[in-house]
Amino acid sequence: MEFEILGWPPDGPKLPLDHERFAYAGKFVMTNTGKAVAREDGGIVAAVAFNEDRTDDATLWLRYVTVAADRRGEGIGPRLLALVRDRALDRGYDRLRIAVNNPFAYEALYRVGFSFTGETTGIAELALAYPGPADDPDARAAAYRDGLDRFRERDLSAAEREFLDSRGERPPAPTADE
């Protein structure tokens, strides 16, 4: 598996993705966002689009994360997110943020060090940040559970409900890349 940053905002490349295989495929053809991909055997299996915050040039927003439908659950997303996180910090960004709308993305981001901020967006996405507001492991675990509880209050798919039901009190272990 190869992981690569293709470009940084505002000069990111167009990245045509198959809309039947990737969620948010249409968002990756915009050129004002940076892009990163995971490739295997020459084909893209995951992608991330990102841009600077409009009011804080030290903050990078991860806008869209997508993993090919047939490759979800393999840990590719967290590994790609770890690459973007590390390269963004190397470029001088102090903070990364993202808003997520499902528990799968929420846990993937938790695995690479993001924490729930307690905030939601106007469209009911949970806001996460790196570094997170909770540096203390107990506080970070409490923030993780708070986010899961917010998802539990929603009308969820059967797969999302099963995923949440399988999560106990302990947060998941971080990826090896954290």
Protein backbone atom coordinates (compact mmCIF):
# COMPACT_ATOMS: atom_id res chain seq x y z
CA MET A 1 0.00 0.00 0.00
CA GLU A 2 1.32 3.43 -0.95
CA PHE A 3 0.24 6.66 0.73
CA GLU A 4 0.85 10.00 -0.96
CA ILE A 5 0.04 13.69 -0.65
CA LEU A 6 -0.90 14.84 -4.17
CA GLY A 7 -1.06 18.57 -3.44
CA TRP A 8 -1.75 21.22 -0.84
CA PRO A 9 -4.43 23.89 -0.86
CA PRO A 10 -5.18 26.00 -2.71
CA ASP A 11 -3.54 24.17 -5.62
CA GLY A 12 -4.79 20.63 -5.22
CA PRO A 13 -5.31 18.39 -8.22
CA LYS A 14 -8.62 17.18 -9.59
CA LEU A 15 -9.14 13.62 -8.46
CA PRO A 16 -11.87 11.83 -10.41
CA LEU A 17 -13.23 9.00 -8.29
CA ASP A 18 -15.90 6.46 -9.21
CA HIS A 19 -19.09 7.65 -7.51
CA GLU A 20 -20.33 4.08 -7.15
CA ARG A 21 -17.24 3.04 -5.23
CA PHE A 22 -16.42 6.19 -3.24
CA ALA A 23 -18.64 8.38 -1.06
CA TYR A 24 -18.26 12.12 -1.74
CA ALA A 25 -16.61 11.38 -5.12
CA GLY A 26 -17.79 14.68 -6.61
CA LYS A 27 -16.01 16.67 -3.90
CA PHE A 28 -12.61 15.45 -5.09
CA VAL A 29 -12.74 17.24 -8.45
CA MET A 30 -12.43 20.66 -6.80
CA THR A 31 -8.95 22.12 -7.26
CA ASN A 32 -8.90 24.44 -4.24
CA THR A 33 -8.43 21.57 -1.78
CA GLY A 34 -5.33 19.52 -1.10
CA LYS A 35 -5.58 15.80 -1.68
CA ALA A 36 -3.95 12.65 -0.33
CA VAL A 37 -4.51 9.10 -1.50
CA ALA A 38 -3.85 5.49 -0.62
CA ARG A 39 -3.03 3.32 -3.62
CA GLU A 40 -2.71 -0.39 -4.11
CA ASP A 41 -1.72 -2.03 -7.38
CA GLY A 42 -1.87 1.40 -9.03
CA GLY A 43 -5.50 2.02 -8.09
CA ILE A 44 -6.82 4.48 -5.51
CA VAL A 45 -8.43 2.80 -2.49
CA ALA A 46 -8.86 5.87 -0.24
CA ALA A 47 -8.66 9.65 -0.47
CA VAL A 48 -8.74 12.72 1.77
CA ALA A 49 -9.44 16.34 0.73
CA PHE A 50 -8.37 19.24 2.96
CA ASN A 51 -8.03 23.03 3.08
CA GLU A 52 -6.93 25.83 5.37
CA ASP A 53 -9.39 27.36 7.78
CA ARG A 54 -10.71 30.66 6.39
CA THR A 55 -10.03 32.52 9.63
CA ASP A 56 -6.96 30.72 11.00
CA ASP A 57 -4.13 29.83 8.62
CA ALA A 58 -2.56 27.61 11.31
CA THR A 59 -5.56 25.24 11.16
CA LEU A 60 -6.09 22.65 8.44
CA TRP A 61 -9.59 21.28 7.89
CA LEU A 62 -9.98 17.73 6.67
CA ARG A 63 -13.08 18.07 4.49
CA TYR A 64 -13.78 14.68 2.99
CA VAL A 65 -12.46 11.23 3.74
CA THR A 66 -13.49 8.30 1.59
CA VAL A 67 -12.45 4.67 1.41
CA ALA A 68 -13.54 2.41 -1.44
CA ALA A 69 -16.71 0.58 -0.45
CA ASP A 70 -15.06 -2.81 -0.91
CA ARG A 71 -12.07 -1.84 1.29
CA ARG A 72 -13.76 -0.31 4.34
CA GLY A 73 -12.85 -1.74 7.72
CA GLU A 74 -9.25 -2.61 6.77
CA GLY A 75 -7.63 0.34 8.60
CA ILE A 76 -6.71 2.17 5.39
CA GLY A 77 -8.54 5.36 6.40
CA PRO A 78 -6.71 5.81 9.72
CA ARG A 79 -3.34 5.16 8.06
CA LEU A 80 -4.05 7.77 5.38
CA LEU A 81 -5.30 10.24 8.00
CA ALA A 82 -2.10 9.72 10.01
CA LEU A 83 -0.05 10.63 6.94
CA VAL A 84 -2.02 13.84 6.38
CA ARG A 85 -1.81 14.70 10.08
CA ASP A 86 1.95 14.25 10.21
CA ARG A 87 2.65 16.10 6.96
CA ALA A 88 0.37 18.96 7.99
CA LEU A 89 2.24 19.34 11.29
CA ASP A 90 5.52 19.27 9.35
CA ARG A 91 4.20 22.09 7.12
CA GLY A 92 3.54 24.25 10.19
CA TYR A 93 -0.15 23.71 10.84
CA ASP A 94 -0.77 23.77 14.60
CA ARG A 95 -4.17 22.15 14.55
CA LEU A 96 -6.30 19.91 12.37
CA ARG A 97 -10.08 19.78 12.49
CA ILE A 98 -12.79 17.68 10.92
CA ALA A 99 -16.54 17.25 11.28
CA VAL A 100 -17.89 13.70 10.94
CA ASN A 101 -21.37 12.36 10.33
CA ASN A 102 -20.97 8.69 11.18
CA PRO A 103 -19.49 6.56 13.95
CA PHE A 104 -17.10 4.71 11.61
CA ALA A 105 -15.28 7.92 10.65
CA TYR A 106 -15.45 9.08 14.27
CA GLU A 107 -13.57 6.01 15.49
CA ALA A 108 -11.05 6.10 12.62
CA LEU A 109 -10.12 9.65 13.60
CA TYR A 110 -9.95 8.79 17.28
CA ARG A 111 -7.42 6.08 16.39
CA VAL A 112 -5.07 8.71 14.93
CA GLY A 113 -5.27 11.07 17.90
CA PHE A 114 -8.29 13.27 17.16
CA SER A 115 -10.67 14.03 20.02
CA PHE A 116 -14.30 15.10 20.12
CA THR A 117 -14.46 18.79 21.00
CA GLY A 118 -18.01 18.67 22.34
CA GLU A 119 -19.12 20.82 19.41
CA THR A 120 -21.41 19.97 16.52
CA THR A 121 -21.85 21.72 13.19
CA GLY A 122 -25.09 23.16 11.90
CA ILE A 123 -25.73 19.90 10.06
CA ALA A 124 -25.25 17.77 13.18
CA GLU A 125 -21.73 16.58 12.46
CA LEU A 126 -19.45 16.05 15.45
CA ALA A 127 -16.37 18.29 15.46
CA LEU A 128 -13.02 16.67 16.22
CA ALA A 129 -9.59 18.24 16.58
CA TYR A 130 -5.95 17.27 16.68
CA PRO A 131 -4.35 17.80 19.02
CA GLY A 132 -7.50 17.21 20.95
CA PRO A 133 -8.71 19.23 23.88
CA ALA A 134 -8.26 16.24 26.14
CA ASP A 135 -4.58 15.38 26.60
CA ASP A 136 -5.27 13.40 29.78
CA PRO A 137 -6.07 9.78 28.77
CA ASP A 138 -9.09 9.64 31.09
CA ALA A 139 -10.47 12.92 29.74
CA ARG A 140 -9.83 11.78 26.16
CA ALA A 141 -11.66 8.50 26.86
CA ALA A 142 -14.59 10.43 28.33
CA ALA A 143 -14.70 12.65 25.22
CA TYR A 144 -14.69 9.52 23.04
CA ARG A 145 -17.65 8.05 24.93
CA ASP A 146 -19.50 11.38 24.77
CA GLY A 147 -19.20 11.37 20.99
CA LEU A 148 -20.43 7.77 20.74
CA ASP A 149 -23.39 8.68 22.95
CA ARG A 150 -24.25 11.57 20.59
CA PHE A 151 -24.39 9.10 17.71
CA ARG A 152 -26.52 6.68 19.76
CA GLU A 153 -29.20 9.38 20.02
CA ARG A 154 -29.64 9.42 16.23
CA ASP A 155 -31.62 7.48 13.69
CA LEU A 156 -28.90 5.10 12.48
CA SER A 157 -28.50 2.35 9.93
CA ALA A 158 -28.41 -1.22 11.18
CA ALA A 159 -24.65 -1.36 10.52
CA GLU A 160 -24.05 1.85 12.50
CA ARG A 161 -26.23 0.62 15.39
CA GLU A 162 -24.39 -2.73 15.45
CA PHE A 163 -21.04 -0.93 15.39
CA LEU A 164 -22.02 1.29 18.33
CA ASP A 165 -23.44 -1.67 20.26
CA SER A 166 -20.09 -3.43 19.89
CA ARG A 167 -18.21 -0.55 21.51
CA GLY A 168 -17.65 -0.88 25.23
CA GLU A 169 -16.42 1.63 27.75
CA ARG A 170 -12.78 1.45 26.63
CA PRO A 171 -11.76 3.50 23.61
CA PRO A 172 -9.99 1.71 20.77
CA ALA A 173 -6.23 1.46 20.71
CA PRO A 174 -4.44 4.03 18.57
CA THR A 175 -3.06 2.99 15.21
CA ALA A 176 0.63 2.15 15.04
CA ASP A 177 1.08 5.48 13.21
CA GLU A 178 0.00 7.63 16.20
